Amino acid sequence: MRQHWLILGMIVASLSGCTTPDEQKSSPLPAVPTQDVLGAEPHYEPYHPSANNDYQMNGHIYHIVQDPSQFSETGYASWYGAESSGKMTAIGERFNPYALTAAHPTLPIPSYVRVTNLSNGRMMVVRINDRGPYKQGRIIDLSKASAERLNLTQSTKVKIDFIQVAQDGSLSGPGTVGSQIVKQSYALPGRPVLTTGPLGTPTMENIPDQTGSQPLANQPVEQTQPLTIQPEVTGQLPAMKLQPSKPVTNSMSTTAASSPPTSGFMVQVGAVSSEQRAKEWQQTLEQRFNVQGRITQYSNVYRVQLGPFNNRQQATDLQQKLADQIQQSSFIVSP
């Protein structure tokens, strides 16, 4: 009898050992957390025909990245501002220090990257439209507006991750991993809450970042003073000619979704979560700068835009006024 039970036990053990891994219940993989990343709007643009060839600068040959789909790079960033305003970029655009743009020595242009400040975890999308920097230890040259929003110093390390934009507008590449690209929005990670100041101009109340990133101990390279943006007074600019469009109504009952479609360049000054606050902000700016405006809705965010303008230069002129008179950052939305 004992031998019978022993044989039966061996048979059961043998059968249980035959269970294949495919038959075993697998545990579901944990969901990968995503974070909203804001900034420039990635959209498909063909590479510039003459700005993507290998070239030589200061005795060094730079080879353009032929397949940037998995491109990532870590290093130090530099920035440039009003001193370069109006100069032509490598693809023939006028540099605008208030646009969310950057320069890179070897990535194809125009293109888009996600830039991460490794000290505070801030991320944003910028458009690469120029060549440079050519300074030892620097991997990307950011516009003043981009550097300001990332809160960079000369000793801050950054990581850049390429964002591949297909012809159908779909996004891929390392710059999209763990990220939800929010298009055409001014807000930043750790979104600010806008309230109305004494003059009716929205002011920002800081909300702590919830990215969970810890500051890194960076080694100083040149200087360690934080980037300080001083407003530059350039005087009154000539009046801008607006593209004819339907009059803007001041009725507070008009919803963002009912804003009439417009063609031309728009200047986006911000995005808020309250439709009422967006309308008040729009009307304040319309009266202050004698321009038309509109509100567009994206999910639960209301964007405040001014315009439209016949050309990019008119939109740039308004950006300059916004920066000089009320220290308001903005960016241009192309038609």
Protein backbone atom coordinates (compact mmCIF):
# COMPACT_ATOMS: atom_id res chain seq x y z
CA MET A 1 0.00 0.00 0.00
CA ARG A 2 2.80 2.40 0.87
CA GLN A 3 4.47 1.64 -2.45
CA HIS A 4 1.17 2.38 -4.24
CA TRP A 5 0.91 5.86 -2.70
CA LEU A 6 4.58 6.53 -3.48
CA ILE A 7 4.05 5.72 -7.16
CA LEU A 8 0.90 7.89 -7.29
CA GLY A 9 2.79 10.83 -5.76
CA MET A 10 5.57 10.52 -8.35
CA ILE A 11 3.01 10.59 -11.17
CA VAL A 12 1.36 13.77 -9.82
CA ALA A 13 4.74 15.48 -9.44
CA SER A 14 5.67 14.52 -12.99
CA LEU A 15 2.44 15.96 -14.41
CA SER A 16 2.83 19.24 -12.52
CA GLY A 17 6.35 19.62 -13.91
CA CYS A 18 5.02 19.41 -17.45
CA THR A 19 3.18 22.71 -17.15
CA THR A 20 4.63 25.10 -19.71
CA PRO A 21 5.35 28.78 -18.99
CA ASP A 22 2.65 29.71 -21.50
CA GLU A 23 0.07 27.90 -19.37
CA GLN A 24 1.05 29.78 -16.24
CA LYS A 25 -0.86 32.95 -15.48
CA SER A 26 1.40 35.94 -16.09
CA SER A 27 1.26 39.08 -14.01
CA PRO A 28 0.27 42.23 -15.92
CA LEU A 29 3.06 44.73 -16.52
CA PRO A 30 2.80 47.94 -14.53
CA ALA A 31 1.49 50.95 -16.42
CA VAL A 32 4.17 53.42 -17.48
CA PRO A 33 3.41 56.87 -16.04
CA THR A 34 3.20 59.73 -18.51
CA GLN A 35 3.76 63.43 -18.03
CA ASP A 36 2.37 66.36 -20.01
CA VAL A 37 5.15 68.10 -21.94
CA LEU A 38 4.38 71.53 -23.34
CA GLY A 39 6.08 74.09 -25.54
CA ALA A 40 6.40 74.32 -29.31
CA GLU A 41 3.88 72.38 -31.39
CA PRO A 42 5.50 69.49 -33.28
CA HIS A 43 4.15 69.23 -36.80
CA TYR A 44 5.57 67.71 -39.96
CA GLU A 45 8.05 69.88 -41.85
CA PRO A 46 10.32 68.70 -44.66
CA TYR A 47 14.01 69.13 -43.91
CA HIS A 48 15.60 72.24 -45.40
CA PRO A 49 17.23 71.31 -48.74
CA SER A 50 20.51 73.18 -48.20
CA ALA A 51 20.95 73.29 -44.40
CA ASN A 52 21.47 69.59 -43.77
CA ASN A 53 24.82 68.87 -45.38
CA ASP A 54 28.01 68.07 -43.48
CA TYR A 55 30.01 71.25 -42.87
CA GLN A 56 33.19 72.58 -41.30
CA MET A 57 33.35 75.20 -38.53
CA ASN A 58 36.46 76.40 -36.69
CA GLY A 59 38.49 73.56 -38.15
CA HIS A 60 36.04 70.88 -37.03
CA ILE A 61 33.88 68.83 -39.40
CA TYR A 62 30.26 68.34 -38.31
CA HIS A 63 28.38 65.34 -39.69
CA ILE A 64 24.60 65.69 -39.86
CA VAL A 65 22.72 62.88 -38.11
CA GLN A 66 21.17 60.78 -40.88
CA ASP A 67 18.77 58.79 -38.70
CA PRO A 68 17.80 60.77 -35.59
CA SER A 69 14.81 58.55 -34.72
CA GLN A 70 16.56 57.24 -31.56
CA PHE A 71 18.76 60.28 -30.88
CA SER A 72 19.36 61.38 -27.28
CA GLU A 73 22.16 63.51 -25.84
CA THR A 74 23.15 64.84 -22.42
CA GLY A 75 25.31 67.88 -21.71
CA TYR A 76 25.27 71.59 -20.98
CA ALA A 77 23.11 74.20 -22.71
CA SER A 78 23.75 77.81 -23.65
CA TRP A 79 21.26 80.45 -24.77
CA TYR A 80 21.04 83.61 -26.82
CA GLY A 81 18.63 86.52 -26.65
CA ALA A 82 18.07 90.07 -27.85
CA GLU A 83 21.64 90.47 -29.13
CA SER A 84 20.78 88.02 -31.94
CA SER A 85 17.23 89.23 -32.54
CA GLY A 86 16.40 89.57 -36.23
CA LYS A 87 19.45 87.67 -37.47
CA MET A 88 18.85 84.96 -40.03
CA THR A 89 18.95 81.33 -38.91
CA ALA A 90 20.46 78.50 -40.94
CA ILE A 91 17.10 77.82 -42.61
CA GLY A 92 16.43 81.46 -43.48
CA GLU A 93 14.12 82.45 -40.62
CA ARG A 94 14.61 85.56 -38.51
CA PHE A 95 15.68 84.67 -34.98
CA ASN A 96 13.09 85.56 -32.36
CA PRO A 97 14.28 85.37 -28.71
CA TYR A 98 10.67 85.01 -27.56
CA ALA A 99 9.99 81.90 -29.67
CA LEU A 100 10.52 78.38 -28.33
CA THR A 101 13.42 77.53 -30.62
CA ALA A 102 16.98 76.24 -30.39
CA ALA A 103 20.12 75.53 -32.38
CA HIS A 104 21.92 72.19 -32.68
CA PRO A 105 25.12 71.46 -34.61
CA THR A 106 24.18 68.11 -36.20
CA LEU A 107 20.45 67.33 -35.95
CA PRO A 108 18.48 67.76 -39.19
CA ILE A 109 16.55 71.02 -39.33
CA PRO A 110 13.82 71.98 -38.87
CA SER A 111 13.01 69.38 -36.24
CA TYR A 112 11.75 69.05 -32.67
CA VAL A 113 13.30 67.83 -29.43
CA ARG A 114 12.24 67.46 -25.84
CA VAL A 115 14.64 69.28 -23.51
CA THR A 116 14.82 68.23 -19.85
CA ASN A 117 16.48 70.28 -17.12
CA LEU A 118 18.12 67.48 -15.13
CA SER A 119 18.31 69.64 -12.01
CA ASN A 120 14.60 70.31 -11.58
CA GLY A 121 12.89 67.87 -13.96
CA ARG A 122 11.28 70.55 -16.13
CA MET A 123 10.61 69.47 -19.70
CA MET A 124 9.53 71.33 -22.79
CA VAL A 125 9.46 70.91 -26.56
CA VAL A 126 11.53 73.26 -28.71
CA ARG A 127 11.91 73.60 -32.47
CA ILE A 128 15.44 73.28 -33.88
CA ASN A 129 15.83 75.87 -36.64
CA ASP A 130 19.50 76.88 -36.50
CA ARG A 131 23.09 75.59 -36.23
CA GLY A 132 25.31 75.81 -33.16
CA PRO A 133 26.56 76.06 -30.51
CA TYR A 134 30.27 75.81 -31.31
CA LYS A 135 31.49 76.14 -27.76
CA GLN A 136 33.30 73.36 -25.92
CA GLY A 137 30.95 71.39 -23.68
CA ARG A 138 27.70 72.88 -25.04
CA ILE A 139 25.28 70.61 -26.90
CA ILE A 140 22.34 72.95 -27.61
CA ASP A 141 21.75 76.70 -27.89
CA LEU A 142 18.31 77.73 -26.61
CA SER A 143 16.35 80.90 -27.19
CA LYS A 144 15.96 83.22 -24.21
CA ALA A 145 12.32 82.22 -23.75
CA SER A 146 13.16 78.51 -23.73
CA ALA A 147 16.02 78.90 -21.25
CA GLU A 148 13.90 81.10 -19.00
CA ARG A 149 11.07 78.60 -18.78
CA LEU A 150 13.44 75.71 -18.08
CA ASN A 151 15.09 77.83 -15.36
CA LEU A 152 18.60 77.14 -16.66
CA THR A 153 21.96 78.24 -15.33
CA GLN A 154 25.36 77.88 -16.99
CA SER A 155 26.08 74.86 -14.78
CA THR A 156 22.80 73.04 -15.44
CA LYS A 157 22.89 69.78 -17.35
CA VAL A 158 20.13 69.03 -19.83
CA LYS A 159 19.03 66.03 -21.84
CA ILE A 160 17.68 66.36 -25.36
CA ASP A 161 15.50 63.65 -26.93
CA PHE A 162 14.47 63.71 -30.58
CA ILE A 163 10.79 63.78 -31.56
CA GLN A 164 10.06 62.17 -34.93
CA VAL A 165 7.08 63.71 -36.73
CA ALA A 166 5.55 61.62 -39.52
CA GLN A 167 3.74 63.13 -42.50
CA ASP A 168 0.41 62.17 -40.92
CA GLY A 169 1.36 64.14 -37.80
CA SER A 170 2.00 61.12 -35.57
CA LEU A 171 4.86 61.44 -33.07
CA SER A 172 7.50 58.89 -32.09
CA GLY A 173 11.08 58.70 -30.84
CA PRO A 174 12.72 59.04 -27.42
CA GLY A 175 11.19 62.49 -26.92
CA THR A 176 7.74 60.90 -26.65
CA VAL A 177 8.61 58.12 -24.18
CA GLY A 178 6.74 58.67 -20.92
CA SER A 179 5.38 61.93 -22.28
CA GLN A 180 2.10 63.29 -23.54
CA ILE A 181 2.89 66.12 -25.95
CA VAL A 182 0.36 68.90 -25.39
CA LYS A 183 0.26 71.09 -28.48
CA GLN A 184 0.14 74.88 -28.71
CA SER A 185 0.15 75.56 -24.99
CA TYR A 186 2.07 78.10 -22.96
CA ALA A 187 1.80 76.31 -19.62
CA LEU A 188 4.74 74.44 -18.12
CA PRO A 189 5.16 71.30 -16.01
CA GLY A 190 3.88 72.17 -12.58
CA ARG A 191 1.28 74.33 -14.30
CA PRO A 192 0.93 77.90 -13.03
CA VAL A 193 -2.43 79.19 -11.87
CA LEU A 194 -3.22 82.57 -13.39
CA THR A 195 -4.95 85.22 -11.29
CA THR A 196 -5.77 88.83 -12.05
CA GLY A 197 -3.38 91.48 -10.76
CA PRO A 198 -4.13 95.13 -9.96
CA LEU A 199 -3.98 96.19 -13.63
CA GLY A 200 -5.97 93.24 -14.90
CA THR A 201 -2.82 91.52 -16.18
CA PRO A 202 -2.67 87.84 -15.22
CA THR A 203 0.06 86.94 -12.75
CA MET A 204 1.43 83.50 -12.02
CA GLU A 205 1.18 81.64 -8.74
CA ASN A 206 3.79 78.89 -8.61
CA ILE A 207 2.64 75.34 -7.95
CA PRO A 208 5.36 72.88 -6.84
CA ASP A 209 6.59 70.50 -9.51
CA GLN A 210 5.20 67.00 -9.10
CA THR A 211 7.68 65.27 -11.37
CA GLY A 212 9.50 63.64 -8.46
CA SER A 213 12.90 64.57 -9.87
CA GLN A 214 15.67 65.36 -7.42
CA PRO A 215 18.24 68.08 -8.13
CA LEU A 216 21.61 66.84 -9.36
CA ALA A 217 24.93 68.08 -8.14
CA ASN A 218 26.20 69.72 -11.33
CA GLN A 219 29.76 70.85 -11.81
CA PRO A 220 30.06 74.57 -12.63
CA VAL A 221 31.37 75.25 -16.12
CA GLU A 222 31.55 79.02 -16.47
CA GLN A 223 29.25 80.88 -14.13
CA THR A 224 26.68 79.74 -11.64
CA GLN A 225 24.38 82.75 -11.53
CA PRO A 226 20.78 81.99 -12.53
CA LEU A 227 19.57 83.28 -15.84
CA THR A 228 17.97 86.69 -15.27
CA ILE A 229 15.80 88.14 -17.98
CA GLN A 230 15.76 91.93 -17.99
CA PRO A 231 13.05 93.69 -20.02
CA GLU A 232 14.49 95.73 -22.88
CA VAL A 233 12.72 99.00 -23.59
CA THR A 234 12.82 99.73 -27.30
CA GLY A 235 10.18 102.45 -27.49
CA GLN A 236 6.87 102.46 -29.25
CA LEU A 237 6.78 100.24 -32.31
CA PRO A 238 4.91 101.26 -35.47
CA ALA A 239 1.25 100.34 -35.61
CA MET A 240 0.56 96.94 -37.08
CA LYS A 241 -1.78 96.30 -39.96
CA LEU A 242 -4.22 93.57 -39.03
CA GLN A 243 -5.76 91.18 -41.49
CA PRO A 244 -9.44 92.05 -41.94
CA SER A 245 -11.67 89.70 -40.01
CA LYS A 246 -15.00 89.67 -38.27
CA PRO A 247 -15.28 92.04 -35.29
CA VAL A 248 -14.53 90.44 -31.95
CA THR A 249 -17.52 90.47 -29.66
CA ASN A 250 -17.12 91.32 -25.99
CA SER A 251 -20.12 89.24 -25.00
CA MET A 252 -19.14 86.93 -22.15
CA SER A 253 -21.68 84.39 -23.36
CA THR A 254 -19.57 83.49 -26.40
CA THR A 255 -17.90 80.13 -25.87
CA ALA A 256 -14.37 79.23 -26.88
CA ALA A 257 -15.62 76.57 -29.25
CA SER A 258 -17.66 79.15 -31.19
CA SER A 259 -14.66 81.39 -31.99
CA PRO A 260 -14.67 81.98 -35.76
CA PRO A 261 -11.82 80.33 -37.68
CA THR A 262 -9.12 82.75 -38.74
CA SER A 263 -6.19 82.55 -41.13
CA GLY A 264 -2.86 84.20 -40.55
CA PHE A 265 -0.23 84.29 -37.82
CA MET A 266 -1.48 84.33 -34.23
CA VAL A 267 0.43 85.31 -31.08
CA GLN A 268 -0.39 82.99 -28.19
CA VAL A 269 0.16 84.56 -24.78
CA GLY A 270 -1.03 81.78 -22.54
CA ALA A 271 -3.42 79.00 -21.63
CA VAL A 272 -5.62 78.75 -18.55
CA SER A 273 -8.12 76.25 -17.21
CA SER A 274 -10.94 78.80 -16.71
CA GLU A 275 -12.90 80.02 -19.73
CA GLN A 276 -14.06 83.11 -17.83
CA ARG A 277 -10.51 84.05 -16.89
CA ALA A 278 -9.35 83.49 -20.47
CA LYS A 279 -12.03 85.89 -21.77
CA GLU A 280 -11.10 88.55 -19.23
CA TRP A 281 -7.42 88.21 -20.14
CA GLN A 282 -8.20 88.40 -23.86
CA GLN A 283 -10.26 91.57 -23.46
CA THR A 284 -7.60 93.23 -21.30
CA LEU A 285 -4.92 92.58 -23.94
CA GLU A 286 -7.19 93.68 -26.80
CA GLN A 287 -7.78 97.03 -25.12
CA ARG A 288 -4.15 97.50 -24.05
CA PHE A 289 -2.58 96.75 -27.44
CA ASN A 290 -5.49 97.63 -29.77
CA VAL A 291 -5.53 94.22 -31.45
CA GLN A 292 -8.11 91.55 -32.02
CA GLY A 293 -7.97 88.18 -30.31
CA ARG A 294 -9.62 84.82 -29.91
CA ILE A 295 -9.88 81.91 -27.48
CA THR A 296 -9.41 78.32 -28.61
CA GLN A 297 -10.11 75.28 -26.48
CA TYR A 298 -7.89 72.20 -26.23
CA SER A 299 -9.28 69.59 -23.83
CA ASN A 300 -9.88 71.55 -20.60
CA VAL A 301 -7.40 74.31 -21.45
CA TYR A 302 -8.37 77.67 -22.99
CA ARG A 303 -5.68 79.35 -25.10
CA VAL A 304 -5.57 83.13 -25.44
CA GLN A 305 -4.32 84.27 -28.86
CA LEU A 306 -3.99 87.69 -30.50
CA GLY A 307 -4.27 88.37 -34.22
CA PRO A 308 -4.46 87.29 -36.98
CA PHE A 309 -1.56 89.01 -38.77
CA ASN A 310 -0.70 89.02 -42.45
CA ASN A 311 2.92 88.01 -41.89
CA ARG A 312 5.27 86.74 -39.20
CA GLN A 313 7.01 90.12 -38.77
CA GLN A 314 3.77 91.77 -37.60
CA ALA A 315 3.31 89.00 -35.07
CA THR A 316 6.92 89.42 -33.93
CA ASP A 317 6.33 93.15 -33.44
CA LEU A 318 3.47 92.38 -31.07
CA GLN A 319 5.64 89.87 -29.21
CA GLN A 320 8.19 92.63 -28.68
CA LYS A 321 5.52 94.96 -27.31
CA LEU A 322 4.21 92.29 -24.96
CA ALA A 323 7.69 91.66 -23.62
CA ASP A 324 8.69 95.33 -23.30
CA GLN A 325 5.50 96.72 -21.81
CA ILE A 326 4.15 93.95 -19.57
CA GLN A 327 7.00 91.39 -19.57
CA GLN A 328 4.70 88.80 -21.12
CA SER A 329 6.24 85.81 -22.91
CA SER A 330 4.48 84.52 -26.01
CA PHE A 331 4.99 82.48 -29.16
CA ILE A 332 3.76 82.57 -32.74
CA VAL A 333 1.25 80.06 -34.11
CA SER A 334 1.61 79.66 -37.87
CA PRO A 335 -1.49 79.44 -40.09
